Amino acid sequence: MDVIVGLGIFFILITAIFIAVAFFLPEWLGITGKKAKEVIESHQAETPNGTDTATSNAKPLPPTDH
């Protein structure tokens, strides 16, 4: 009985910690928060017409003979 109560308290504690982290630091858990949305919008504003300047100037790889 003591083990069940102990594990129940542990589960509630871990769940509370998870909810707190999800609320205050959503990016740590892969949740897109306000800051991540701001970064995404700023990156989209930097590349007009949806083109990526880092990859558009890349040279194609030579063909390989197998």
Protein backbone atom coordinates (compact mmCIF):
# COMPACT_ATOMS: atom_id res chain seq x y z
CA MET A 1 0.00 0.00 0.00
CA ASP A 2 2.84 2.38 0.82
CA VAL A 3 4.42 1.72 -2.57
CA ILE A 4 1.19 2.60 -4.38
CA VAL A 5 0.83 5.87 -2.46
CA GLY A 6 4.49 6.72 -3.05
CA LEU A 7 4.25 6.06 -6.78
CA GLY A 8 1.01 8.05 -6.96
CA ILE A 9 2.68 11.05 -5.33
CA PHE A 10 5.70 10.63 -7.63
CA PHE A 11 3.41 10.55 -10.69
CA ILE A 12 1.57 13.70 -9.59
CA LEU A 13 4.87 15.47 -8.90
CA ILE A 14 6.37 14.55 -12.30
CA THR A 15 3.14 15.54 -14.06
CA ALA A 16 3.13 18.93 -12.29
CA ILE A 17 6.76 19.52 -13.30
CA PHE A 18 5.96 18.61 -16.92
CA ILE A 19 3.01 21.03 -17.00
CA ALA A 20 5.14 23.82 -15.50
CA VAL A 21 7.92 23.29 -18.07
CA ALA A 22 5.37 23.07 -20.90
CA PHE A 23 3.86 26.38 -19.80
CA PHE A 24 7.04 28.36 -19.09
CA LEU A 25 9.57 26.73 -21.48
CA PRO A 26 7.55 25.15 -24.32
CA GLU A 27 10.49 25.04 -26.74
CA TRP A 28 12.26 22.57 -24.46
CA LEU A 29 9.49 20.07 -25.14
CA GLY A 30 9.11 20.72 -28.85
CA ILE A 31 6.05 22.92 -28.42
CA THR A 32 6.10 25.99 -30.65
CA GLY A 33 5.87 28.93 -28.29
CA LYS A 34 5.64 32.67 -28.88
CA LYS A 35 9.40 33.07 -29.27
CA ALA A 36 9.66 30.26 -31.84
CA LYS A 37 6.81 31.73 -33.85
CA GLU A 38 8.58 35.12 -33.85
CA VAL A 39 11.79 33.49 -35.12
CA ILE A 40 9.92 31.61 -37.86
CA GLU A 41 8.21 34.81 -39.00
CA SER A 42 11.50 36.73 -39.03
CA HIS A 43 13.15 33.99 -41.11
CA GLN A 44 10.29 34.01 -43.60
CA ALA A 45 10.64 37.77 -43.95
CA GLU A 46 14.36 37.42 -44.77
CA THR A 47 13.80 35.08 -47.76
CA PRO A 48 11.35 36.63 -50.25
CA ASN A 49 9.45 34.39 -52.68
CA GLY A 50 10.20 31.35 -50.54
CA THR A 51 13.73 30.89 -51.94
CA ASP A 52 16.54 29.93 -49.64
CA THR A 53 19.70 31.87 -50.43
CA ALA A 54 21.95 29.30 -48.77
CA THR A 55 20.94 26.46 -51.08
CA SER A 56 20.01 28.33 -54.27
CA ASN A 57 23.69 29.12 -55.03
CA ALA A 58 24.90 25.58 -54.35
CA LYS A 59 26.57 23.67 -57.18
CA PRO A 60 25.02 20.34 -58.17
CA LEU A 61 26.96 17.19 -57.35
CA PRO A 62 28.66 15.36 -60.22
CA PRO A 63 27.04 12.10 -61.35
CA THR A 64 28.43 8.91 -59.90
CA ASP A 65 29.10 5.71 -61.86
CA HIS A 66 27.88 2.56 -60.11
